[in-house]
Amino acid sequence: MQLTKKITDQELIEMCLKGKDFGYTELYNRYARGIYNSISRIVSHTAEAEDILQDTFCLIFGDMKKLQGVSSVEGWVRRVAINKSISHLRRQKITFTDLGETEIADDEQQTADENDIFDCRVEDVRKSIEALPPGYKTIINLYLFEKLSQEEIAGMLGLSHSTVRTQYHRAKNKILLSLKDKSYYE
């Protein structure tokens, strides 16, 4: 029995730089599904998410030299895709309002215990997130699913950290209230 060695990302990048189609195909097949999922959590429309995925890989494949020595190819591609998704939202005139340093009432007082969300069905949570206003939905998805810090999100969206924190808590409360309306908390 012969063990096959998995080809590393850097080996695939070298193949791409030598013009070998296998390198491009394998990188795409390796990361496209996960990257698409990240995009579609930010951009709800399927065709738009597919376009952004294609644009992302075209951009990456157009300048493969940038990927040489990158420690996480997937992370690099995901970051490009997220930035393209946010740019797409901005072109659609979806704005992210910076609340600045104004004092905001403490949104962290929750109407339901945060742990109660685990008693909900995943599909109901997904629908509640999808129903959020675009700005809230973007922040929730970047924070929960893309594992970006609130500071990173603030930088990407051009907002203050306090605005991102406030909008995250408001979005979380809207989700909890939506789930509460589904009689999870009776």
N, C-alpha and C. Protein backbone atom coordinates (compact mmCIF):
# COMPACT_ATOMS: atom_id res chain seq x y z
N MET A 1 0.85 -1.18 0.00
CA MET A 1 0.00 0.00 0.00
C MET A 1 0.89 1.24 0.00
N GLN A 2 0.65 2.12 -0.94
CA GLN A 2 1.45 3.32 -1.06
C GLN A 2 0.67 4.51 -0.51
N LEU A 3 1.33 5.28 0.34
CA LEU A 3 0.70 6.48 0.88
C LEU A 3 0.94 7.63 -0.09
N THR A 4 -0.11 8.38 -0.39
CA THR A 4 0.07 9.53 -1.26
C THR A 4 0.25 10.77 -0.41
N LYS A 5 1.20 11.58 -0.82
CA LYS A 5 1.50 12.80 -0.10
C LYS A 5 0.54 13.90 -0.58
N LYS A 6 -0.06 14.60 0.35
CA LYS A 6 -0.94 15.71 -0.01
C LYS A 6 -0.08 16.86 -0.52
N ILE A 7 -0.51 17.41 -1.62
CA ILE A 7 0.22 18.54 -2.21
C ILE A 7 -0.08 19.78 -1.37
N THR A 8 0.96 20.49 -0.99
CA THR A 8 0.78 21.69 -0.16
C THR A 8 0.30 22.86 -1.02
N ASP A 9 -0.22 23.86 -0.35
CA ASP A 9 -0.66 25.07 -1.05
C ASP A 9 0.50 25.72 -1.79
N GLN A 10 1.65 25.77 -1.15
CA GLN A 10 2.81 26.40 -1.78
C GLN A 10 3.23 25.64 -3.04
N GLU A 11 3.12 24.31 -3.03
CA GLU A 11 3.44 23.52 -4.22
C GLU A 11 2.44 23.83 -5.34
N LEU A 12 1.17 24.01 -4.96
CA LEU A 12 0.15 24.36 -5.95
C LEU A 12 0.41 25.75 -6.53
N ILE A 13 0.83 26.67 -5.68
CA ILE A 13 1.15 28.02 -6.14
C ILE A 13 2.31 27.98 -7.14
N GLU A 14 3.32 27.17 -6.84
CA GLU A 14 4.44 27.02 -7.76
C GLU A 14 3.97 26.45 -9.10
N MET A 15 3.02 25.50 -9.07
CA MET A 15 2.46 24.96 -10.31
C MET A 15 1.78 26.06 -11.10
N CYS A 16 1.01 26.89 -10.40
CA CYS A 16 0.32 28.01 -11.06
C CYS A 16 1.32 28.95 -11.71
N LEU A 17 2.38 29.26 -11.00
CA LEU A 17 3.39 30.18 -11.53
C LEU A 17 4.09 29.60 -12.77
N LYS A 18 4.09 28.26 -12.88
CA LYS A 18 4.67 27.60 -14.06
C LYS A 18 3.62 27.39 -15.15
N GLY A 19 2.37 27.89 -14.90
CA GLY A 19 1.32 27.81 -15.91
C GLY A 19 0.59 26.48 -15.96
N LYS A 20 0.71 25.66 -14.93
CA LYS A 20 0.04 24.36 -14.93
C LYS A 20 -1.38 24.50 -14.40
N ASP A 21 -2.34 24.10 -15.22
CA ASP A 21 -3.76 24.23 -14.87
C ASP A 21 -4.13 23.47 -13.60
N PHE A 22 -3.47 22.36 -13.34
CA PHE A 22 -3.79 21.56 -12.16
C PHE A 22 -3.67 22.39 -10.87
N GLY A 23 -2.68 23.26 -10.80
CA GLY A 23 -2.49 24.09 -9.61
C GLY A 23 -3.68 24.99 -9.37
N TYR A 24 -4.15 25.66 -10.42
CA TYR A 24 -5.32 26.54 -10.30
C TYR A 24 -6.57 25.75 -9.91
N THR A 25 -6.78 24.64 -10.61
CA THR A 25 -7.97 23.82 -10.35
C THR A 25 -7.99 23.31 -8.92
N GLU A 26 -6.86 22.82 -8.47
CA GLU A 26 -6.79 22.25 -7.12
C GLU A 26 -6.98 23.31 -6.04
N LEU A 27 -6.37 24.49 -6.21
CA LEU A 27 -6.57 25.57 -5.23
C LEU A 27 -8.03 25.98 -5.19
N TYR A 28 -8.65 26.11 -6.36
CA TYR A 28 -10.06 26.47 -6.41
C TYR A 28 -10.91 25.41 -5.72
N ASN A 29 -10.71 24.17 -6.08
CA ASN A 29 -11.51 23.08 -5.49
C ASN A 29 -11.29 22.97 -3.98
N ARG A 30 -10.11 23.27 -3.53
CA ARG A 30 -9.78 23.17 -2.12
C ARG A 30 -10.50 24.23 -1.28
N TYR A 31 -10.66 25.43 -1.82
CA TYR A 31 -11.15 26.54 -0.99
C TYR A 31 -12.46 27.20 -1.44
N ALA A 32 -12.93 26.93 -2.62
CA ALA A 32 -14.09 27.64 -3.16
C ALA A 32 -15.34 27.50 -2.29
N ARG A 33 -15.65 26.31 -1.84
CA ARG A 33 -16.88 26.10 -1.07
C ARG A 33 -16.88 26.92 0.23
N GLY A 34 -15.81 26.86 0.98
CA GLY A 34 -15.73 27.61 2.24
C GLY A 34 -15.75 29.11 2.02
N ILE A 35 -15.05 29.56 0.98
CA ILE A 35 -15.02 30.99 0.66
C ILE A 35 -16.42 31.43 0.22
N TYR A 36 -17.08 30.62 -0.59
CA TYR A 36 -18.45 30.95 -1.02
C TYR A 36 -19.37 31.09 0.20
N ASN A 37 -19.25 30.18 1.15
CA ASN A 37 -20.09 30.26 2.35
C ASN A 37 -19.86 31.57 3.10
N SER A 38 -18.61 32.00 3.19
CA SER A 38 -18.30 33.28 3.84
C SER A 38 -18.94 34.44 3.09
N ILE A 39 -18.84 34.42 1.78
CA ILE A 39 -19.42 35.49 0.96
C ILE A 39 -20.94 35.50 1.11
N SER A 40 -21.55 34.33 1.04
CA SER A 40 -23.02 34.28 1.04
C SER A 40 -23.61 34.66 2.40
N ARG A 41 -22.82 34.61 3.46
CA ARG A 41 -23.32 35.09 4.75
C ARG A 41 -23.38 36.61 4.78
N ILE A 42 -22.58 37.25 3.94
CA ILE A 42 -22.56 38.71 3.88
C ILE A 42 -23.48 39.21 2.77
N VAL A 43 -23.41 38.58 1.61
CA VAL A 43 -24.22 38.96 0.45
C VAL A 43 -25.26 37.88 0.26
N SER A 44 -26.51 38.19 0.50
CA SER A 44 -27.56 37.18 0.52
C SER A 44 -27.93 36.61 -0.84
N HIS A 45 -27.82 37.39 -1.88
CA HIS A 45 -28.26 36.95 -3.19
C HIS A 45 -27.25 35.96 -3.77
N THR A 46 -27.72 34.77 -4.16
CA THR A 46 -26.86 33.69 -4.62
C THR A 46 -26.01 34.09 -5.83
N ALA A 47 -26.63 34.69 -6.83
CA ALA A 47 -25.88 35.04 -8.05
C ALA A 47 -24.79 36.07 -7.73
N GLU A 48 -25.09 37.03 -6.86
CA GLU A 48 -24.09 38.02 -6.48
C GLU A 48 -22.94 37.37 -5.72
N ALA A 49 -23.25 36.43 -4.84
CA ALA A 49 -22.21 35.72 -4.09
C ALA A 49 -21.33 34.91 -5.05
N GLU A 50 -21.94 34.28 -6.04
CA GLU A 50 -21.17 33.51 -7.02
C GLU A 50 -20.26 34.43 -7.83
N ASP A 51 -20.77 35.61 -8.20
CA ASP A 51 -19.95 36.57 -8.95
C ASP A 51 -18.75 37.03 -8.12
N ILE A 52 -18.99 37.30 -6.84
CA ILE A 52 -17.90 37.74 -5.97
C ILE A 52 -16.87 36.63 -5.81
N LEU A 53 -17.34 35.39 -5.69
CA LEU A 53 -16.41 34.25 -5.60
C LEU A 53 -15.53 34.19 -6.85
N GLN A 54 -16.16 34.29 -8.01
CA GLN A 54 -15.41 34.24 -9.26
C GLN A 54 -14.43 35.41 -9.36
N ASP A 55 -14.89 36.61 -9.02
CA ASP A 55 -14.01 37.78 -9.06
C ASP A 55 -12.82 37.62 -8.11
N THR A 56 -13.09 37.03 -6.95
CA THR A 56 -12.03 36.82 -5.96
C THR A 56 -10.95 35.90 -6.52
N PHE A 57 -11.37 34.77 -7.08
CA PHE A 57 -10.38 33.83 -7.60
C PHE A 57 -9.68 34.39 -8.84
N CYS A 58 -10.39 35.16 -9.65
CA CYS A 58 -9.73 35.79 -10.80
C CYS A 58 -8.65 36.75 -10.33
N LEU A 59 -8.95 37.53 -9.32
CA LEU A 59 -7.98 38.47 -8.77
C LEU A 59 -6.77 37.73 -8.19
N ILE A 60 -7.04 36.69 -7.41
CA ILE A 60 -5.97 35.90 -6.79
C ILE A 60 -5.12 35.22 -7.87
N PHE A 61 -5.78 34.59 -8.84
CA PHE A 61 -5.05 33.88 -9.88
C PHE A 61 -4.31 34.84 -10.81
N GLY A 62 -4.76 36.07 -10.89
CA GLY A 62 -4.10 37.05 -11.73
C GLY A 62 -2.78 37.55 -11.17
N ASP A 63 -2.56 37.35 -9.88
CA ASP A 63 -1.31 37.81 -9.25
C ASP A 63 -0.85 36.77 -8.22
N MET A 64 -0.53 35.60 -8.72
CA MET A 64 -0.16 34.48 -7.85
C MET A 64 1.11 34.75 -7.04
N LYS A 65 1.95 35.66 -7.51
CA LYS A 65 3.20 35.94 -6.79
C LYS A 65 2.93 36.45 -5.38
N LYS A 66 1.78 37.11 -5.18
CA LYS A 66 1.44 37.61 -3.85
C LYS A 66 1.22 36.48 -2.85
N LEU A 67 0.89 35.30 -3.34
CA LEU A 67 0.62 34.17 -2.45
C LEU A 67 1.88 33.41 -2.04
N GLN A 68 2.99 33.68 -2.70
CA GLN A 68 4.22 32.99 -2.34
C GLN A 68 4.59 33.37 -0.91
N GLY A 69 4.79 32.38 -0.10
CA GLY A 69 5.22 32.60 1.28
C GLY A 69 4.09 32.96 2.24
N VAL A 70 2.86 33.07 1.76
CA VAL A 70 1.73 33.36 2.65
C VAL A 70 1.49 32.13 3.51
N SER A 71 1.38 32.33 4.82
CA SER A 71 1.24 31.18 5.72
C SER A 71 -0.12 30.50 5.60
N SER A 72 -1.17 31.25 5.31
CA SER A 72 -2.49 30.67 5.15
C SER A 72 -3.13 31.18 3.87
N VAL A 73 -3.06 30.37 2.84
CA VAL A 73 -3.67 30.74 1.56
C VAL A 73 -5.17 30.92 1.74
N GLU A 74 -5.79 30.02 2.46
CA GLU A 74 -7.23 30.12 2.69
C GLU A 74 -7.58 31.43 3.40
N GLY A 75 -6.83 31.79 4.39
CA GLY A 75 -7.07 33.04 5.11
C GLY A 75 -6.92 34.25 4.22
N TRP A 76 -5.90 34.22 3.37
CA TRP A 76 -5.65 35.33 2.44
C TRP A 76 -6.82 35.47 1.47
N VAL A 77 -7.23 34.35 0.86
CA VAL A 77 -8.32 34.38 -0.12
C VAL A 77 -9.62 34.80 0.57
N ARG A 78 -9.87 34.30 1.77
CA ARG A 78 -11.09 34.65 2.51
C ARG A 78 -11.12 36.15 2.79
N ARG A 79 -10.00 36.73 3.16
CA ARG A 79 -9.94 38.16 3.45
C ARG A 79 -10.25 38.98 2.20
N VAL A 80 -9.69 38.56 1.06
CA VAL A 80 -9.99 39.24 -0.21
C VAL A 80 -11.48 39.15 -0.51
N ALA A 81 -12.06 37.96 -0.32
CA ALA A 81 -13.48 37.75 -0.60
C ALA A 81 -14.37 38.59 0.32
N ILE A 82 -14.02 38.67 1.58
CA ILE A 82 -14.79 39.47 2.53
C ILE A 82 -14.72 40.95 2.16
N ASN A 83 -13.52 41.42 1.81
CA ASN A 83 -13.38 42.82 1.38
C ASN A 83 -14.19 43.10 0.12
N LYS A 84 -14.19 42.17 -0.82
CA LYS A 84 -15.00 42.33 -2.04
C LYS A 84 -16.49 42.33 -1.69
N SER A 85 -16.90 41.50 -0.74
CA SER A 85 -18.31 41.45 -0.32
C SER A 85 -18.74 42.77 0.31
N ILE A 86 -17.90 43.32 1.15
CA ILE A 86 -18.21 44.60 1.80
C ILE A 86 -18.26 45.72 0.76
N SER A 87 -17.33 45.71 -0.19
CA SER A 87 -17.36 46.70 -1.27
C SER A 87 -18.64 46.58 -2.08
N HIS A 88 -19.08 45.36 -2.31
CA HIS A 88 -20.33 45.12 -3.03
C HIS A 88 -21.51 45.74 -2.27
N LEU A 89 -21.55 45.55 -0.97
CA LEU A 89 -22.63 46.14 -0.16
C LEU A 89 -22.59 47.66 -0.24
N ARG A 90 -21.42 48.22 -0.20
CA ARG A 90 -21.30 49.68 -0.29
C ARG A 90 -21.80 50.20 -1.63
N ARG A 91 -21.50 49.47 -2.71
CA ARG A 91 -21.99 49.88 -4.03
C ARG A 91 -23.51 49.82 -4.10
N GLN A 92 -24.11 48.97 -3.30
CA GLN A 92 -25.57 48.89 -3.25
C GLN A 92 -26.16 49.95 -2.33
N LYS A 93 -25.31 50.83 -1.87
CA LYS A 93 -25.71 51.94 -1.00
C LYS A 93 -26.13 51.47 0.39
N ILE A 94 -25.64 50.32 0.80
CA ILE A 94 -25.87 49.88 2.17
C ILE A 94 -24.81 50.57 3.00
N THR A 95 -25.25 51.35 3.96
CA THR A 95 -24.31 52.14 4.74
C THR A 95 -24.15 51.56 6.13
N PHE A 96 -22.99 51.76 6.65
CA PHE A 96 -22.67 51.37 8.01
C PHE A 96 -22.51 52.67 8.77
N THR A 97 -23.41 52.92 9.69
CA THR A 97 -23.43 54.19 10.39
C THR A 97 -22.49 54.14 11.58
N ASP A 98 -21.60 55.12 11.61
CA ASP A 98 -20.70 55.22 12.75
C ASP A 98 -21.36 56.08 13.80
N LEU A 99 -21.54 55.51 14.95
CA LEU A 99 -22.19 56.22 16.04
C LEU A 99 -21.20 57.09 16.79
N GLY A 100 -19.93 57.01 16.38
CA GLY A 100 -18.90 57.84 16.99
C GLY A 100 -18.71 57.51 18.45
N GLU A 101 -18.38 58.51 19.18
CA GLU A 101 -18.12 58.32 20.61
C GLU A 101 -19.32 58.76 21.45
N THR A 102 -20.48 58.88 20.82
CA THR A 102 -21.66 59.29 21.57
C THR A 102 -22.03 58.23 22.58
N GLU A 103 -22.58 58.67 23.66
CA GLU A 103 -23.00 57.74 24.70
C GLU A 103 -24.26 57.02 24.23
N ILE A 104 -24.24 55.73 24.39
CA ILE A 104 -25.36 54.91 23.96
C ILE A 104 -25.85 54.13 25.17
N ALA A 105 -27.15 54.06 25.29
CA ALA A 105 -27.71 53.29 26.40
C ALA A 105 -27.16 51.87 26.35
N ASP A 106 -26.96 51.28 27.48
CA ASP A 106 -26.36 49.95 27.57
C ASP A 106 -27.24 48.92 26.89
N ASP A 107 -26.83 48.49 25.71
CA ASP A 107 -27.57 47.49 24.96
C ASP A 107 -27.27 46.08 25.45
N GLU A 108 -26.37 45.96 26.38
CA GLU A 108 -25.99 44.62 26.82
C GLU A 108 -27.00 44.01 27.78
N GLN A 109 -28.00 44.80 28.21
CA GLN A 109 -29.06 44.23 29.03
C GLN A 109 -29.92 43.40 28.08
N GLN A 110 -29.93 42.13 28.32
CA GLN A 110 -30.61 41.26 27.38
C GLN A 110 -31.97 40.84 27.91
N THR A 111 -32.86 40.65 26.97
CA THR A 111 -34.20 40.25 27.34
C THR A 111 -34.29 38.74 27.54
N ALA A 112 -33.32 38.02 27.07
CA ALA A 112 -33.31 36.57 27.24
C ALA A 112 -31.89 36.14 27.60
N ASP A 113 -31.77 35.05 28.30
CA ASP A 113 -30.46 34.53 28.65
C ASP A 113 -29.74 34.09 27.38
N GLU A 114 -28.51 34.56 27.22
CA GLU A 114 -27.73 34.26 26.03
C GLU A 114 -27.63 32.76 25.77
N ASN A 115 -27.55 31.98 26.79
CA ASN A 115 -27.43 30.53 26.62
C ASN A 115 -28.71 29.89 26.10
N ASP A 116 -29.84 30.58 26.20
CA ASP A 116 -31.09 30.04 25.71
C ASP A 116 -31.07 29.82 24.20
N ILE A 117 -30.20 30.53 23.51
CA ILE A 117 -30.14 30.41 22.07
C ILE A 117 -29.78 28.98 21.65
N PHE A 118 -29.09 28.25 22.53
CA PHE A 118 -28.70 26.89 22.20
C PHE A 118 -29.89 25.93 22.18
N ASP A 119 -31.01 26.36 22.72
CA ASP A 119 -32.20 25.53 22.69
C ASP A 119 -32.98 25.69 21.38
N CYS A 120 -32.53 26.57 20.51
CA CYS A 120 -33.23 26.87 19.28
C CYS A 120 -32.75 25.98 18.13
N ARG A 121 -33.58 25.87 17.13
CA ARG A 121 -33.19 25.13 15.95
C ARG A 121 -32.25 25.98 15.11
N VAL A 122 -31.26 25.37 14.53
CA VAL A 122 -30.26 26.07 13.73
C VAL A 122 -30.93 26.84 12.59
N GLU A 123 -31.89 26.25 11.95
CA GLU A 123 -32.56 26.91 10.83
C GLU A 123 -33.26 28.19 11.27
N ASP A 124 -33.85 28.18 12.46
CA ASP A 124 -34.51 29.39 12.97
C ASP A 124 -33.49 30.48 13.27
N VAL A 125 -32.34 30.10 13.79
CA VAL A 125 -31.28 31.08 14.06
C VAL A 125 -30.79 31.66 12.74
N ARG A 126 -30.58 30.81 11.74
CA ARG A 126 -30.13 31.27 10.43
C ARG A 126 -31.13 32.25 9.82
N LYS A 127 -32.40 31.94 9.91
CA LYS A 127 -33.44 32.84 9.37
C LYS A 127 -33.47 34.16 10.13
N SER A 128 -33.26 34.11 11.43
CA SER A 128 -33.24 35.34 12.23
C SER A 128 -32.06 36.23 11.83
N ILE A 129 -30.92 35.62 11.57
CA ILE A 129 -29.75 36.39 11.12
C ILE A 129 -30.02 36.97 9.75
N GLU A 130 -30.59 36.17 8.87
CA GLU A 130 -30.87 36.62 7.50
C GLU A 130 -31.85 37.79 7.48
N ALA A 131 -32.75 37.85 8.46
CA ALA A 131 -33.76 38.91 8.52
C ALA A 131 -33.22 40.24 9.08
N LEU A 132 -32.01 40.23 9.60
CA LEU A 132 -31.44 41.46 10.16
C LEU A 132 -31.21 42.50 9.07
N PRO A 133 -31.21 43.79 9.46
CA PRO A 133 -30.80 44.81 8.50
C PRO A 133 -29.37 44.52 8.03
N PRO A 134 -29.03 44.89 6.79
CA PRO A 134 -27.73 44.52 6.21
C PRO A 134 -26.52 44.86 7.08
N GLY A 135 -26.48 46.02 7.70
CA GLY A 135 -25.34 46.40 8.53
C GLY A 135 -25.17 45.47 9.72
N TYR A 136 -26.26 45.19 10.41
CA TYR A 136 -26.21 44.29 11.56
C TYR A 136 -25.80 42.89 11.13
N LYS A 137 -26.39 42.44 10.01
CA LYS A 137 -26.11 41.09 9.51
C LYS A 137 -24.63 40.94 9.17
N THR A 138 -24.06 41.96 8.55
CA THR A 138 -22.65 41.92 8.18
C THR A 138 -21.78 41.80 9.42
N ILE A 139 -22.05 42.62 10.42
CA ILE A 139 -21.24 42.61 11.64
C ILE A 139 -21.37 41.27 12.36
N ILE A 140 -22.58 40.75 12.49
CA ILE A 140 -22.80 39.43 13.14
C ILE A 140 -22.02 38.35 12.41
N ASN A 141 -22.12 38.32 11.08
CA ASN A 141 -21.45 37.27 10.31
C ASN A 141 -19.93 37.38 10.39
N LEU A 142 -19.41 38.60 10.31
CA LEU A 142 -17.96 38.75 10.39
C LEU A 142 -17.44 38.35 11.77
N TYR A 143 -18.20 38.67 12.80
CA TYR A 143 -17.76 38.37 14.16
C TYR A 143 -17.94 36.89 14.51
N LEU A 144 -19.12 36.36 14.27
CA LEU A 144 -19.41 34.98 14.69
C LEU A 144 -18.82 33.92 13.76
N PHE A 145 -18.94 34.14 12.46
CA PHE A 145 -18.57 33.07 11.53
C PHE A 145 -17.18 33.24 10.95
N GLU A 146 -16.76 34.48 10.74
CA GLU A 146 -15.43 34.71 10.19
C GLU A 146 -14.38 34.89 11.28
N LYS A 147 -14.84 34.96 12.52
CA LYS A 147 -13.96 35.06 13.69
C LYS A 147 -13.06 36.29 13.67
N LEU A 148 -13.58 37.38 13.10
CA LEU A 148 -12.83 38.63 13.12
C LEU A 148 -13.13 39.35 14.43
N SER A 149 -12.14 40.04 14.95
CA SER A 149 -12.37 40.80 16.18
C SER A 149 -13.19 42.04 15.85
N GLN A 150 -13.81 42.61 16.87
CA GLN A 150 -14.60 43.81 16.65
C GLN A 150 -13.71 44.95 16.15
N GLU A 151 -12.46 44.99 16.58
CA GLU A 151 -11.53 46.00 16.11
C GLU A 151 -11.25 45.83 14.61
N GLU A 152 -11.05 44.57 14.17
CA GLU A 152 -10.82 44.31 12.75
C GLU A 152 -12.04 44.71 11.93
N ILE A 153 -13.22 44.37 12.42
CA ILE A 153 -14.45 44.72 11.71
C ILE A 153 -14.58 46.23 11.60
N ALA A 154 -14.29 46.92 12.68
CA ALA A 154 -14.36 48.39 12.68
C ALA A 154 -13.44 48.95 11.59
N GLY A 155 -12.24 48.42 11.50
CA GLY A 155 -11.30 48.88 10.49
C GLY A 155 -11.79 48.61 9.08
N MET A 156 -12.34 47.42 8.85
CA MET A 156 -12.83 47.05 7.52
C MET A 156 -14.00 47.92 7.09
N LEU A 157 -14.87 48.24 8.04
CA LEU A 157 -16.09 48.98 7.71
C LEU A 157 -15.94 50.48 7.88
N GLY A 158 -14.81 50.92 8.41
CA GLY A 158 -14.60 52.34 8.62
C GLY A 158 -15.45 52.90 9.75
N LEU A 159 -15.64 52.10 10.78
CA LEU A 159 -16.45 52.49 11.94
C LEU A 159 -15.59 52.51 13.19
N SER A 160 -16.11 53.10 14.25
CA SER A 160 -15.41 53.04 15.53
C SER A 160 -15.69 51.69 16.17
N HIS A 161 -14.79 51.28 17.06
CA HIS A 161 -14.98 50.02 17.77
C HIS A 161 -16.27 50.04 18.57
N SER A 162 -16.58 51.16 19.20
CA SER A 162 -17.80 51.24 20.01
C SER A 162 -19.05 51.07 19.15
N THR A 163 -19.02 51.56 17.92
CA THR A 163 -20.16 51.39 17.02
C THR A 163 -20.34 49.92 16.67
N VAL A 164 -19.24 49.25 16.34
CA VAL A 164 -19.33 47.82 16.01
C VAL A 164 -19.85 47.04 17.21
N ARG A 165 -19.32 47.34 18.40
CA ARG A 165 -19.77 46.64 19.61
C ARG A 165 -21.26 46.87 19.83
N THR A 166 -21.70 48.10 19.71
CA THR A 166 -23.12 48.42 19.92
C THR A 166 -23.99 47.72 18.89
N GLN A 167 -23.60 47.79 17.62
CA GLN A 167 -24.41 47.16 16.59
C GLN A 167 -24.41 45.64 16.72
N TYR A 168 -23.32 45.07 17.17
CA TYR A 168 -23.27 43.62 17.42
C TYR A 168 -24.28 43.25 18.51
N HIS A 169 -24.29 44.00 19.60
CA HIS A 169 -25.22 43.69 20.70
C HIS A 169 -26.67 43.92 20.27
N ARG A 170 -26.91 44.95 19.51
CA ARG A 170 -28.27 45.19 19.02
C ARG A 170 -28.72 44.06 18.10
N ALA A 171 -27.82 43.62 17.23
CA ALA A 171 -28.15 42.52 16.32
C ALA A 171 -28.43 41.25 17.11
N LYS A 172 -27.59 40.99 18.09
CA LYS A 172 -27.78 39.79 18.93
C LYS A 172 -29.14 39.85 19.63
N ASN A 173 -29.50 41.03 20.15
CA ASN A 173 -30.79 41.17 20.82
C ASN A 173 -31.95 40.99 19.84
N LYS A 174 -31.81 41.49 18.62
CA LYS A 174 -32.86 41.29 17.62
C LYS A 174 -33.03 39.80 17.31
N ILE A 175 -31.92 39.09 17.24
CA ILE A 175 -31.99 37.65 17.00
C ILE A 175 -32.71 36.96 18.16
N LEU A 176 -32.30 37.29 19.36
CA LEU A 176 -32.94 36.68 20.54
C LEU A 176 -34.42 37.00 20.60
N LEU A 177 -34.79 38.24 20.29
CA LEU A 177 -36.22 38.61 20.29
C LEU A 177 -36.98 37.87 19.20
N SER A 178 -36.35 37.71 18.05
CA SER A 178 -36.98 36.97 16.96
C SER A 178 -37.22 35.52 17.36
N LEU A 179 -36.24 34.93 18.04
CA LEU A 179 -36.39 33.55 18.49
C LEU A 179 -37.42 33.45 19.61
N LYS A 180 -37.47 34.50 20.43
CA LYS A 180 -38.46 34.53 21.51
C LYS A 180 -39.87 34.53 20.92
N ASP A 181 -40.03 35.27 19.80
CA ASP A 181 -41.33 35.30 19.13
C ASP A 181 -41.72 33.93 18.61
N LYS A 182 -40.77 33.06 18.41
CA LYS A 182 -41.06 31.71 17.93
C LYS A 182 -41.41 30.77 19.08
N SER A 183 -41.61 31.34 20.26
CA SER A 183 -42.07 30.61 21.45
C SER A 183 -41.01 29.70 22.05
N TYR A 184 -39.74 29.99 21.81
CA TYR A 184 -38.69 29.21 22.45
C TYR A 184 -38.58 29.52 23.95
N TYR A 185 -39.01 30.72 24.33
CA TYR A 185 -38.78 31.15 25.68
C TYR A 185 -40.06 31.29 26.48
N GLU A 186 -40.97 30.40 26.31
CA GLU A 186 -42.22 30.49 27.08
C GLU A 186 -42.12 29.74 28.38
